[in-house]
Amino acid sequence: MGLRKLKSINHNGKSLVQILEAHERFFSGKDGGARADLSGADLSGANLSGANLSGAILRNANLEGTDLRKAKLPGADLSGANLRKADLRNTDMTEAILPGANLAEAQASGVEFFRCDLSNVNFQRAQLRNVNLRLANVNGAKFSGADMGVAILRETDLTGADLSGVDLSTTLLPKGYSRPKLQRRAPRICDRLSQIEIRDAAW
């Protein structure tokens, strides 16, 4: 199925095209402008690639499967938004607000998450290669199963973030942060060695 066209989407009695045009005027400081308030809007599967949503309000919006490639979202409020399987590649989300948002399985490589509020965000199985997470709040965020190759986590407090099962070998981590070590297999090896020693002693 193809992406939904903006002309076919309405929110609170207005077409999405009108809302975005008014937001563009607001962002440019022109007369007749209005900040886009898309709280709770159903934008799932929409083609918003390259859209200017800087400072827009998208609280609890449904953006599942939406194409947001190269969109501008600095300072946007996406609290509780559903971005599952959304395509966010190379999107600018500098200082965006996303607490509680769902980005599971999202294509988010190359995203600028600088100074974002990502508390309690679900990033499970998301593509997060080459993302910039410097100074982002990731307390309570779930990254398990995510691809974080060459991600930038410098100056990021990782306390409270779930990085279980994430390959951090190429990730730029904060100074002093120790990568989790796999310790499950060691006891098994020791147990087997002990069994061999017991057998030798018996002989």
N, C-alpha and C. Protein backbone atom coordinates (compact mmCIF):
# COMPACT_ATOMS: atom_id res chain seq x y z
N MET A 1 0.84 -1.21 0.00
CA MET A 1 0.00 0.00 0.00
C MET A 1 0.87 1.25 0.00
N GLY A 2 0.44 2.27 -0.77
CA GLY A 2 1.20 3.50 -0.84
C GLY A 2 0.93 4.40 0.35
N LEU A 3 1.70 5.46 0.43
CA LEU A 3 1.54 6.42 1.52
C LEU A 3 0.30 7.28 1.31
N ARG A 4 -0.28 7.73 2.40
CA ARG A 4 -1.46 8.60 2.31
C ARG A 4 -1.03 10.00 1.88
N LYS A 5 -1.80 10.59 0.98
CA LYS A 5 -1.51 11.96 0.54
C LYS A 5 -2.05 12.96 1.55
N LEU A 6 -1.35 14.06 1.71
CA LEU A 6 -1.72 15.05 2.73
C LEU A 6 -3.11 15.64 2.48
N LYS A 7 -3.51 15.74 1.22
CA LYS A 7 -4.82 16.32 0.89
C LYS A 7 -5.97 15.48 1.43
N SER A 8 -5.70 14.20 1.64
CA SER A 8 -6.77 13.29 2.09
C SER A 8 -6.89 13.24 3.61
N ILE A 9 -6.01 13.96 4.32
CA ILE A 9 -6.00 13.88 5.78
C ILE A 9 -6.57 15.16 6.39
N ASN A 10 -7.51 15.00 7.31
CA ASN A 10 -8.11 16.13 8.01
C ASN A 10 -7.93 15.97 9.52
N HIS A 11 -7.86 17.11 10.21
CA HIS A 11 -7.76 17.08 11.67
C HIS A 11 -8.52 18.28 12.24
N ASN A 12 -9.46 17.98 13.11
CA ASN A 12 -10.29 19.03 13.72
C ASN A 12 -10.94 19.95 12.69
N GLY A 13 -11.45 19.35 11.62
CA GLY A 13 -12.18 20.11 10.60
C GLY A 13 -11.32 20.84 9.60
N LYS A 14 -10.01 20.70 9.68
CA LYS A 14 -9.12 21.37 8.72
C LYS A 14 -8.28 20.33 8.00
N SER A 15 -7.96 20.64 6.74
CA SER A 15 -7.11 19.71 6.00
C SER A 15 -5.67 19.87 6.49
N LEU A 16 -4.92 18.78 6.43
CA LEU A 16 -3.53 18.81 6.88
C LEU A 16 -2.71 19.80 6.06
N VAL A 17 -3.04 19.94 4.79
CA VAL A 17 -2.33 20.89 3.93
C VAL A 17 -2.50 22.31 4.46
N GLN A 18 -3.73 22.68 4.83
CA GLN A 18 -3.98 24.02 5.38
C GLN A 18 -3.23 24.24 6.69
N ILE A 19 -3.21 23.20 7.54
CA ILE A 19 -2.53 23.30 8.83
C ILE A 19 -1.04 23.53 8.63
N LEU A 20 -0.45 22.79 7.69
CA LEU A 20 0.98 22.92 7.44
C LEU A 20 1.33 24.25 6.79
N GLU A 21 0.45 24.74 5.91
CA GLU A 21 0.69 26.04 5.29
C GLU A 21 0.65 27.17 6.32
N ALA A 22 -0.33 27.09 7.24
CA ALA A 22 -0.44 28.09 8.30
C ALA A 22 0.77 28.02 9.24
N HIS A 23 1.25 26.80 9.48
CA HIS A 23 2.41 26.61 10.35
C HIS A 23 3.66 27.20 9.69
N GLU A 24 3.77 27.06 8.40
CA GLU A 24 4.92 27.61 7.67
C GLU A 24 4.93 29.14 7.79
N ARG A 25 3.73 29.73 7.68
CA ARG A 25 3.63 31.20 7.83
C ARG A 25 3.99 31.60 9.26
N PHE A 26 3.52 30.82 10.23
CA PHE A 26 3.82 31.10 11.64
C PHE A 26 5.32 31.02 11.88
N PHE A 27 5.94 29.99 11.33
CA PHE A 27 7.38 29.77 11.50
C PHE A 27 8.19 30.89 10.84
N SER A 28 7.66 31.42 9.74
CA SER A 28 8.37 32.49 9.01
C SER A 28 8.04 33.89 9.53
N GLY A 29 7.10 33.95 10.49
CA GLY A 29 6.72 35.25 11.06
C GLY A 29 5.79 36.06 10.17
N LYS A 30 5.09 35.37 9.26
CA LYS A 30 4.18 36.06 8.35
C LYS A 30 2.77 36.14 8.93
N ASP A 31 1.98 37.07 8.43
CA ASP A 31 0.59 37.24 8.90
C ASP A 31 -0.25 36.01 8.55
N GLY A 32 -1.23 35.74 9.42
CA GLY A 32 -2.14 34.63 9.17
C GLY A 32 -1.57 33.27 9.54
N GLY A 33 -0.43 33.28 10.21
CA GLY A 33 0.18 32.01 10.59
C GLY A 33 -0.38 31.47 11.89
N ALA A 34 -0.26 30.16 12.10
CA ALA A 34 -0.70 29.52 13.33
C ALA A 34 0.13 28.26 13.55
N ARG A 35 0.59 28.09 14.79
CA ARG A 35 1.37 26.89 15.11
C ARG A 35 0.52 25.64 14.88
N ALA A 36 1.10 24.65 14.26
CA ALA A 36 0.37 23.41 13.98
C ALA A 36 0.12 22.64 15.28
N ASP A 37 -1.16 22.46 15.61
CA ASP A 37 -1.53 21.65 16.76
C ASP A 37 -2.18 20.37 16.23
N LEU A 38 -1.39 19.30 16.21
CA LEU A 38 -1.86 18.03 15.68
C LEU A 38 -1.94 16.98 16.79
N SER A 39 -2.29 17.45 17.98
CA SER A 39 -2.42 16.54 19.12
C SER A 39 -3.46 15.46 18.83
N GLY A 40 -3.06 14.21 18.99
CA GLY A 40 -3.99 13.10 18.78
C GLY A 40 -4.36 12.85 17.33
N ALA A 41 -3.72 13.52 16.39
CA ALA A 41 -4.07 13.35 14.98
C ALA A 41 -3.66 11.98 14.46
N ASP A 42 -4.44 11.44 13.53
CA ASP A 42 -4.11 10.18 12.88
C ASP A 42 -3.35 10.50 11.59
N LEU A 43 -2.02 10.43 11.69
CA LEU A 43 -1.15 10.72 10.55
C LEU A 43 -0.42 9.46 10.11
N SER A 44 -0.96 8.33 10.48
CA SER A 44 -0.32 7.05 10.15
C SER A 44 -0.21 6.87 8.64
N GLY A 45 0.98 6.44 8.22
CA GLY A 45 1.18 6.15 6.80
C GLY A 45 1.17 7.37 5.90
N ALA A 46 1.29 8.57 6.48
CA ALA A 46 1.26 9.79 5.66
C ALA A 46 2.64 10.10 5.07
N ASN A 47 2.64 10.82 3.96
CA ASN A 47 3.91 11.23 3.34
C ASN A 47 4.26 12.63 3.82
N LEU A 48 5.07 12.70 4.88
CA LEU A 48 5.49 13.98 5.44
C LEU A 48 6.99 14.21 5.24
N SER A 49 7.55 13.56 4.24
CA SER A 49 8.99 13.71 3.99
C SER A 49 9.30 15.16 3.66
N GLY A 50 10.32 15.70 4.34
CA GLY A 50 10.74 17.08 4.10
C GLY A 50 9.85 18.14 4.70
N ALA A 51 8.80 17.74 5.43
CA ALA A 51 7.86 18.72 6.00
C ALA A 51 8.52 19.54 7.11
N ASN A 52 8.11 20.81 7.21
CA ASN A 52 8.60 21.67 8.28
C ASN A 52 7.61 21.63 9.44
N LEU A 53 7.96 20.88 10.48
CA LEU A 53 7.12 20.76 11.67
C LEU A 53 7.86 21.28 12.90
N SER A 54 8.76 22.22 12.68
CA SER A 54 9.53 22.81 13.77
C SER A 54 8.60 23.41 14.81
N GLY A 55 8.72 22.98 16.06
CA GLY A 55 7.90 23.53 17.13
C GLY A 55 6.44 23.10 17.09
N ALA A 56 6.08 22.17 16.22
CA ALA A 56 4.69 21.72 16.11
C ALA A 56 4.29 20.89 17.33
N ILE A 57 3.00 20.85 17.60
CA ILE A 57 2.48 20.06 18.73
C ILE A 57 1.88 18.77 18.17
N LEU A 58 2.50 17.65 18.52
CA LEU A 58 2.07 16.35 18.00
C LEU A 58 1.88 15.35 19.14
N ARG A 59 1.42 15.85 20.28
CA ARG A 59 1.24 14.99 21.44
C ARG A 59 0.25 13.86 21.14
N ASN A 60 0.66 12.63 21.46
CA ASN A 60 -0.19 11.44 21.29
C ASN A 60 -0.67 11.24 19.86
N ALA A 61 0.01 11.83 18.89
CA ALA A 61 -0.36 11.65 17.49
C ALA A 61 0.03 10.24 17.03
N ASN A 62 -0.72 9.72 16.07
CA ASN A 62 -0.41 8.40 15.50
C ASN A 62 0.38 8.61 14.20
N LEU A 63 1.68 8.31 14.27
CA LEU A 63 2.56 8.47 13.11
C LEU A 63 3.16 7.13 12.69
N GLU A 64 2.44 6.06 12.99
CA GLU A 64 2.95 4.73 12.68
C GLU A 64 3.10 4.56 11.17
N GLY A 65 4.30 4.16 10.76
CA GLY A 65 4.56 3.92 9.34
C GLY A 65 4.63 5.18 8.50
N THR A 66 4.68 6.33 9.13
CA THR A 66 4.71 7.61 8.40
C THR A 66 6.10 7.88 7.83
N ASP A 67 6.14 8.47 6.64
CA ASP A 67 7.41 8.85 6.02
C ASP A 67 7.77 10.27 6.46
N LEU A 68 8.78 10.37 7.33
CA LEU A 68 9.23 11.68 7.83
C LEU A 68 10.69 11.93 7.45
N ARG A 69 11.14 11.29 6.40
CA ARG A 69 12.54 11.48 6.00
C ARG A 69 12.86 12.95 5.73
N LYS A 70 13.97 13.40 6.33
CA LYS A 70 14.48 14.76 6.15
C LYS A 70 13.48 15.83 6.61
N ALA A 71 12.53 15.44 7.45
CA ALA A 71 11.58 16.43 8.00
C ALA A 71 12.28 17.27 9.06
N LYS A 72 11.73 18.45 9.31
CA LYS A 72 12.30 19.35 10.33
C LYS A 72 11.37 19.34 11.54
N LEU A 73 11.90 18.83 12.67
CA LEU A 73 11.10 18.72 13.88
C LEU A 73 11.79 19.31 15.11
N PRO A 74 12.71 20.28 14.95
CA PRO A 74 13.35 20.86 16.14
C PRO A 74 12.31 21.46 17.08
N GLY A 75 12.42 21.12 18.36
CA GLY A 75 11.52 21.70 19.35
C GLY A 75 10.09 21.19 19.29
N ALA A 76 9.80 20.23 18.43
CA ALA A 76 8.42 19.71 18.31
C ALA A 76 8.08 18.88 19.55
N ASP A 77 6.80 18.91 19.94
CA ASP A 77 6.33 18.15 21.09
C ASP A 77 5.65 16.87 20.61
N LEU A 78 6.36 15.75 20.77
CA LEU A 78 5.86 14.44 20.33
C LEU A 78 5.63 13.54 21.53
N SER A 79 5.28 14.13 22.65
CA SER A 79 5.06 13.35 23.88
C SER A 79 4.00 12.27 23.63
N GLY A 80 4.35 11.02 23.94
CA GLY A 80 3.40 9.93 23.81
C GLY A 80 3.01 9.57 22.39
N ALA A 81 3.70 10.11 21.40
CA ALA A 81 3.34 9.84 20.00
C ALA A 81 3.73 8.41 19.60
N ASN A 82 2.97 7.85 18.66
CA ASN A 82 3.25 6.52 18.14
C ASN A 82 4.00 6.66 16.82
N LEU A 83 5.32 6.36 16.86
CA LEU A 83 6.16 6.45 15.67
C LEU A 83 6.68 5.06 15.28
N ARG A 84 5.93 4.05 15.66
CA ARG A 84 6.36 2.69 15.36
C ARG A 84 6.50 2.48 13.85
N LYS A 85 7.64 1.94 13.46
CA LYS A 85 7.95 1.66 12.05
C LYS A 85 7.93 2.90 11.16
N ALA A 86 8.02 4.09 11.76
CA ALA A 86 8.09 5.32 10.96
C ALA A 86 9.46 5.43 10.32
N ASP A 87 9.54 6.13 9.19
CA ASP A 87 10.81 6.35 8.51
C ASP A 87 11.29 7.76 8.85
N LEU A 88 12.28 7.84 9.74
CA LEU A 88 12.77 9.13 10.22
C LEU A 88 14.19 9.41 9.75
N ARG A 89 14.65 8.71 8.76
CA ARG A 89 16.04 8.85 8.34
C ARG A 89 16.41 10.30 8.00
N ASN A 90 17.53 10.73 8.62
CA ASN A 90 18.08 12.08 8.39
C ASN A 90 17.13 13.20 8.79
N THR A 91 16.28 12.94 9.78
CA THR A 91 15.36 13.96 10.29
C THR A 91 16.04 14.78 11.38
N ASP A 92 15.76 16.07 11.41
CA ASP A 92 16.31 16.94 12.45
C ASP A 92 15.29 17.05 13.59
N MET A 93 15.64 16.45 14.74
CA MET A 93 14.75 16.49 15.90
C MET A 93 15.44 17.18 17.09
N THR A 94 16.32 18.12 16.79
CA THR A 94 17.05 18.83 17.84
C THR A 94 16.10 19.41 18.89
N GLU A 95 16.38 19.08 20.16
CA GLU A 95 15.60 19.58 21.30
C GLU A 95 14.10 19.25 21.22
N ALA A 96 13.76 18.21 20.47
CA ALA A 96 12.36 17.78 20.42
C ALA A 96 11.98 17.10 21.74
N ILE A 97 10.69 17.06 22.02
CA ILE A 97 10.17 16.52 23.27
C ILE A 97 9.43 15.22 22.96
N LEU A 98 9.99 14.08 23.43
CA LEU A 98 9.40 12.79 23.07
C LEU A 98 9.17 11.84 24.25
N PRO A 99 8.97 12.30 25.47
CA PRO A 99 8.81 11.35 26.56
C PRO A 99 7.64 10.39 26.33
N GLY A 100 7.92 9.09 26.51
CA GLY A 100 6.87 8.09 26.36
C GLY A 100 6.51 7.74 24.93
N ALA A 101 7.24 8.28 23.95
CA ALA A 101 6.93 7.99 22.55
C ALA A 101 7.35 6.56 22.18
N ASN A 102 6.70 6.00 21.18
CA ASN A 102 7.01 4.65 20.73
C ASN A 102 7.71 4.70 19.37
N LEU A 103 9.01 4.38 19.36
CA LEU A 103 9.79 4.35 18.11
C LEU A 103 10.27 2.94 17.82
N ALA A 104 9.55 1.95 18.31
CA ALA A 104 9.94 0.56 18.07
C ALA A 104 9.98 0.27 16.56
N GLU A 105 11.07 -0.36 16.13
CA GLU A 105 11.26 -0.77 14.73
C GLU A 105 11.28 0.42 13.77
N ALA A 106 11.50 1.62 14.28
CA ALA A 106 11.56 2.79 13.41
C ALA A 106 12.88 2.83 12.64
N GLN A 107 12.83 3.37 11.42
CA GLN A 107 14.04 3.61 10.63
C GLN A 107 14.51 5.03 11.00
N ALA A 108 15.46 5.10 11.92
CA ALA A 108 15.85 6.42 12.45
C ALA A 108 17.34 6.71 12.30
N SER A 109 18.00 6.06 11.35
CA SER A 109 19.42 6.29 11.15
C SER A 109 19.68 7.72 10.68
N GLY A 110 20.75 8.32 11.24
CA GLY A 110 21.12 9.67 10.84
C GLY A 110 20.29 10.76 11.47
N VAL A 111 19.45 10.42 12.46
CA VAL A 111 18.59 11.43 13.10
C VAL A 111 19.39 12.27 14.09
N GLU A 112 19.09 13.54 14.14
CA GLU A 112 19.69 14.48 15.08
C GLU A 112 18.80 14.55 16.32
N PHE A 113 19.23 13.85 17.39
CA PHE A 113 18.49 13.83 18.65
C PHE A 113 19.16 14.72 19.71
N PHE A 114 19.95 15.68 19.28
CA PHE A 114 20.71 16.53 20.20
C PHE A 114 19.78 17.23 21.20
N ARG A 115 20.09 17.07 22.50
CA ARG A 115 19.34 17.70 23.59
C ARG A 115 17.86 17.31 23.62
N CYS A 116 17.50 16.17 23.05
CA CYS A 116 16.09 15.73 23.06
C CYS A 116 15.70 15.16 24.42
N ASP A 117 14.43 15.27 24.75
CA ASP A 117 13.89 14.58 25.91
C ASP A 117 13.36 13.24 25.41
N LEU A 118 14.15 12.19 25.64
CA LEU A 118 13.79 10.85 25.17
C LEU A 118 13.48 9.92 26.34
N SER A 119 13.07 10.50 27.44
CA SER A 119 12.78 9.69 28.63
C SER A 119 11.63 8.72 28.36
N ASN A 120 11.87 7.46 28.75
CA ASN A 120 10.87 6.40 28.61
C ASN A 120 10.44 6.13 27.17
N VAL A 121 11.29 6.48 26.20
CA VAL A 121 10.98 6.20 24.80
C VAL A 121 11.29 4.73 24.50
N ASN A 122 10.46 4.10 23.67
CA ASN A 122 10.67 2.72 23.26
C ASN A 122 11.40 2.71 21.91
N PHE A 123 12.70 2.35 21.95
CA PHE A 123 13.52 2.27 20.74
C PHE A 123 13.80 0.80 20.38
N GLN A 124 13.05 -0.13 20.91
CA GLN A 124 13.34 -1.54 20.69
C GLN A 124 13.34 -1.89 19.20
N ARG A 125 14.43 -2.55 18.79
CA ARG A 125 14.62 -3.03 17.40
C ARG A 125 14.62 -1.90 16.37
N ALA A 126 14.89 -0.69 16.80
CA ALA A 126 14.95 0.44 15.87
C ALA A 126 16.32 0.52 15.20
N GLN A 127 16.36 1.11 14.01
CA GLN A 127 17.62 1.37 13.31
C GLN A 127 18.11 2.76 13.74
N LEU A 128 19.20 2.78 14.51
CA LEU A 128 19.70 4.03 15.07
C LEU A 128 21.17 4.26 14.72
N ARG A 129 21.54 3.88 13.53
CA ARG A 129 22.94 4.07 13.12
C ARG A 129 23.22 5.55 12.87
N ASN A 130 24.40 5.99 13.31
CA ASN A 130 24.85 7.37 13.06
C ASN A 130 23.93 8.44 13.65
N VAL A 131 23.17 8.10 14.70
CA VAL A 131 22.33 9.12 15.33
C VAL A 131 23.18 9.94 16.32
N ASN A 132 22.78 11.17 16.54
CA ASN A 132 23.45 12.02 17.52
C ASN A 132 22.56 12.14 18.75
N LEU A 133 23.00 11.52 19.86
CA LEU A 133 22.23 11.55 21.10
C LEU A 133 22.95 12.36 22.18
N ARG A 134 23.82 13.25 21.77
CA ARG A 134 24.56 14.06 22.75
C ARG A 134 23.61 14.89 23.61
N LEU A 135 23.84 14.83 24.93
CA LEU A 135 23.09 15.61 25.91
C LEU A 135 21.59 15.32 25.90
N ALA A 136 21.19 14.19 25.32
CA ALA A 136 19.77 13.80 25.33
C ALA A 136 19.43 13.15 26.67
N ASN A 137 18.18 13.28 27.08
CA ASN A 137 17.70 12.62 28.30
C ASN A 137 17.14 11.26 27.89
N VAL A 138 17.87 10.19 28.25
CA VAL A 138 17.44 8.85 27.86
C VAL A 138 17.05 8.00 29.09
N ASN A 139 16.74 8.66 30.18
CA ASN A 139 16.37 7.94 31.39
C ASN A 139 15.09 7.11 31.15
N GLY A 140 15.18 5.81 31.38
CA GLY A 140 14.02 4.94 31.18
C GLY A 140 13.80 4.51 29.74
N ALA A 141 14.65 4.96 28.81
CA ALA A 141 14.50 4.59 27.40
C ALA A 141 14.92 3.13 27.19
N LYS A 142 14.23 2.44 26.29
CA LYS A 142 14.51 1.04 26.01
C LYS A 142 15.13 0.90 24.62
N PHE A 143 16.42 0.48 24.59
CA PHE A 143 17.14 0.34 23.33
C PHE A 143 17.37 -1.12 22.96
N SER A 144 16.82 -2.05 23.70
CA SER A 144 17.13 -3.47 23.47
C SER A 144 16.82 -3.88 22.03
N GLY A 145 17.82 -4.54 21.42
CA GLY A 145 17.65 -5.02 20.04
C GLY A 145 17.84 -3.96 18.98
N ALA A 146 18.18 -2.73 19.38
CA ALA A 146 18.35 -1.65 18.40
C ALA A 146 19.74 -1.71 17.77
N ASP A 147 19.86 -1.23 16.54
CA ASP A 147 21.15 -1.13 15.86
C ASP A 147 21.69 0.27 16.12
N MET A 148 22.74 0.37 16.97
CA MET A 148 23.29 1.67 17.34
C MET A 148 24.72 1.83 16.86
N GLY A 149 25.01 1.25 15.70
CA GLY A 149 26.35 1.37 15.14
C GLY A 149 26.74 2.82 14.89
N VAL A 150 27.93 3.21 15.36
CA VAL A 150 28.50 4.55 15.18
C VAL A 150 27.59 5.65 15.74
N ALA A 151 26.72 5.30 16.67
CA ALA A 151 25.87 6.32 17.31
C ALA A 151 26.71 7.17 18.26
N ILE A 152 26.35 8.44 18.41
CA ILE A 152 27.09 9.35 19.29
C ILE A 152 26.35 9.49 20.61
N LEU A 153 26.98 8.99 21.68
CA LEU A 153 26.39 9.06 23.01
C LEU A 153 27.29 9.85 23.97
N ARG A 154 28.22 10.60 23.42
CA ARG A 154 29.10 11.41 24.24
C ARG A 154 28.28 12.44 25.01
N GLU A 155 28.69 12.69 26.24
CA GLU A 155 28.01 13.69 27.09
C GLU A 155 26.54 13.32 27.34
N THR A 156 26.22 12.05 27.22
CA THR A 156 24.86 11.58 27.48
C THR A 156 24.85 10.73 28.75
N ASP A 157 23.97 11.05 29.67
CA ASP A 157 23.85 10.27 30.90
C ASP A 157 23.02 9.02 30.60
N LEU A 158 23.67 7.87 30.63
CA LEU A 158 23.00 6.62 30.28
C LEU A 158 22.39 5.92 31.49
N THR A 159 22.40 6.58 32.63
CA THR A 159 21.79 6.01 33.83
C THR A 159 20.30 5.78 33.60
N GLY A 160 19.85 4.57 33.86
CA GLY A 160 18.42 4.28 33.71
C GLY A 160 18.01 3.86 32.32
N ALA A 161 18.94 3.85 31.35
CA ALA A 161 18.61 3.41 29.99
C ALA A 161 18.84 1.91 29.85
N ASP A 162 17.97 1.23 29.13
CA ASP A 162 18.09 -0.21 28.91
C ASP A 162 18.81 -0.45 27.59
N LEU A 163 20.09 -0.86 27.68
CA LEU A 163 20.91 -1.12 26.49
C LEU A 163 21.20 -2.61 26.35
N SER A 164 20.37 -3.44 26.95
CA SER A 164 20.60 -4.89 26.90
C SER A 164 20.53 -5.43 25.48
N GLY A 165 21.52 -6.23 25.13
CA GLY A 165 21.55 -6.85 23.81
C GLY A 165 21.96 -5.91 22.68
N VAL A 166 22.46 -4.72 23.02
CA VAL A 166 22.87 -3.75 21.99
C VAL A 166 24.38 -3.85 21.76
N ASP A 167 24.79 -3.94 20.51
CA ASP A 167 26.21 -3.97 20.17
C ASP A 167 26.75 -2.54 20.23
N LEU A 168 27.59 -2.27 21.24
CA LEU A 168 28.13 -0.93 21.44
C LEU A 168 29.60 -0.82 21.01
N SER A 169 30.06 -1.80 20.23
CA SER A 169 31.48 -1.85 19.87
C SER A 169 31.93 -0.66 19.02
N THR A 170 31.03 -0.07 18.24
CA THR A 170 31.40 1.09 17.40
C THR A 170 30.72 2.37 17.86
N THR A 171 30.04 2.29 19.00
CA THR A 171 29.31 3.45 19.51
C THR A 171 30.25 4.38 20.28
N LEU A 172 30.08 5.68 20.09
CA LEU A 172 30.89 6.66 20.82
C LEU A 172 30.23 6.90 22.17
N LEU A 173 30.80 6.29 23.21
CA LEU A 173 30.19 6.31 24.54
C LEU A 173 30.77 7.41 25.42
N PRO A 174 30.07 7.76 26.49
CA PRO A 174 30.58 8.78 27.42
C PRO A 174 31.89 8.32 28.07
N LYS A 175 32.73 9.24 28.43
CA LYS A 175 33.99 8.91 29.10
C LYS A 175 33.69 8.20 30.42
N GLY A 176 34.41 7.10 30.65
CA GLY A 176 34.24 6.37 31.90
C GLY A 176 33.13 5.34 31.87
N TYR A 177 32.36 5.29 30.77
CA TYR A 177 31.27 4.32 30.70
C TYR A 177 31.84 2.97 30.29
N SER A 178 31.56 1.94 31.07
CA SER A 178 32.07 0.60 30.76
C SER A 178 31.00 -0.19 30.03
N ARG A 179 31.40 -0.78 28.92
CA ARG A 179 30.45 -1.58 28.14
C ARG A 179 30.04 -2.82 28.93
N PRO A 180 28.77 -3.19 28.87
CA PRO A 180 28.32 -4.40 29.58
C PRO A 180 29.06 -5.63 29.07
N LYS A 181 29.47 -6.49 29.98
CA LYS A 181 30.18 -7.70 29.58
C LYS A 181 29.26 -8.91 29.68
N LEU A 182 29.45 -9.83 28.75
CA LEU A 182 28.67 -11.06 28.77
C LEU A 182 29.31 -12.01 29.78
N GLN A 183 28.57 -12.37 30.80
CA GLN A 183 29.13 -13.19 31.86
C GLN A 183 28.37 -14.51 32.05
N ARG A 184 27.43 -14.77 31.19
CA ARG A 184 26.58 -15.94 31.38
C ARG A 184 27.31 -17.25 31.11
N ARG A 185 28.21 -17.26 30.09
CA ARG A 185 28.82 -18.51 29.69
C ARG A 185 29.95 -18.95 30.62
N ALA A 186 30.60 -18.02 31.29
CA ALA A 186 31.74 -18.34 32.13
C ALA A 186 31.44 -19.38 33.19
N PRO A 187 30.34 -19.26 33.94
CA PRO A 187 30.04 -20.25 34.97
C PRO A 187 29.87 -21.65 34.39
N ARG A 188 29.31 -21.73 33.17
CA ARG A 188 29.09 -23.04 32.56
C ARG A 188 30.43 -23.72 32.25
N ILE A 189 31.40 -22.92 31.75
CA ILE A 189 32.72 -23.46 31.44
C ILE A 189 33.40 -23.96 32.71
N CYS A 190 33.29 -23.15 33.77
CA CYS A 190 33.89 -23.54 35.05
C CYS A 190 33.27 -24.84 35.56
N ASP A 191 31.95 -24.95 35.40
CA ASP A 191 31.27 -26.17 35.84
C ASP A 191 31.79 -27.39 35.10
N ARG A 192 32.02 -27.24 33.80
CA ARG A 192 32.48 -28.37 33.00
C ARG A 192 33.90 -28.75 33.39
N LEU A 193 34.75 -27.73 33.68
CA LEU A 193 36.11 -28.00 34.12
C LEU A 193 36.11 -28.76 35.44
N SER A 194 35.19 -28.35 36.33
CA SER A 194 35.09 -29.02 37.62
C SER A 194 34.70 -30.48 37.45
N GLN A 195 33.81 -30.73 36.50
CA GLN A 195 33.37 -32.11 36.25
C GLN A 195 34.51 -32.97 35.73
N ILE A 196 35.35 -32.34 34.87
CA ILE A 196 36.51 -33.07 34.32
C ILE A 196 37.50 -33.41 35.43
N GLU A 197 37.73 -32.43 36.33
CA GLU A 197 38.65 -32.65 37.44
C GLU A 197 38.15 -33.78 38.36
N ILE A 198 36.85 -33.80 38.59
CA ILE A 198 36.27 -34.84 39.43
C ILE A 198 36.45 -36.22 38.80
N ARG A 199 36.26 -36.30 37.45
CA ARG A 199 36.45 -37.56 36.74
C ARG A 199 37.89 -38.04 36.85
N ASP A 200 38.86 -37.08 36.65
CA ASP A 200 40.27 -37.42 36.72
C ASP A 200 40.63 -37.95 38.11
N ALA A 201 40.05 -37.31 39.12
CA ALA A 201 40.32 -37.73 40.50
C ALA A 201 39.78 -39.14 40.75
N ALA A 202 38.64 -39.45 40.13
CA ALA A 202 38.03 -40.75 40.32
C ALA A 202 38.89 -41.85 39.69
N TRP A 203 39.53 -41.51 38.55
CA TRP A 203 40.40 -42.49 37.89
C TRP A 203 41.65 -42.73 38.71
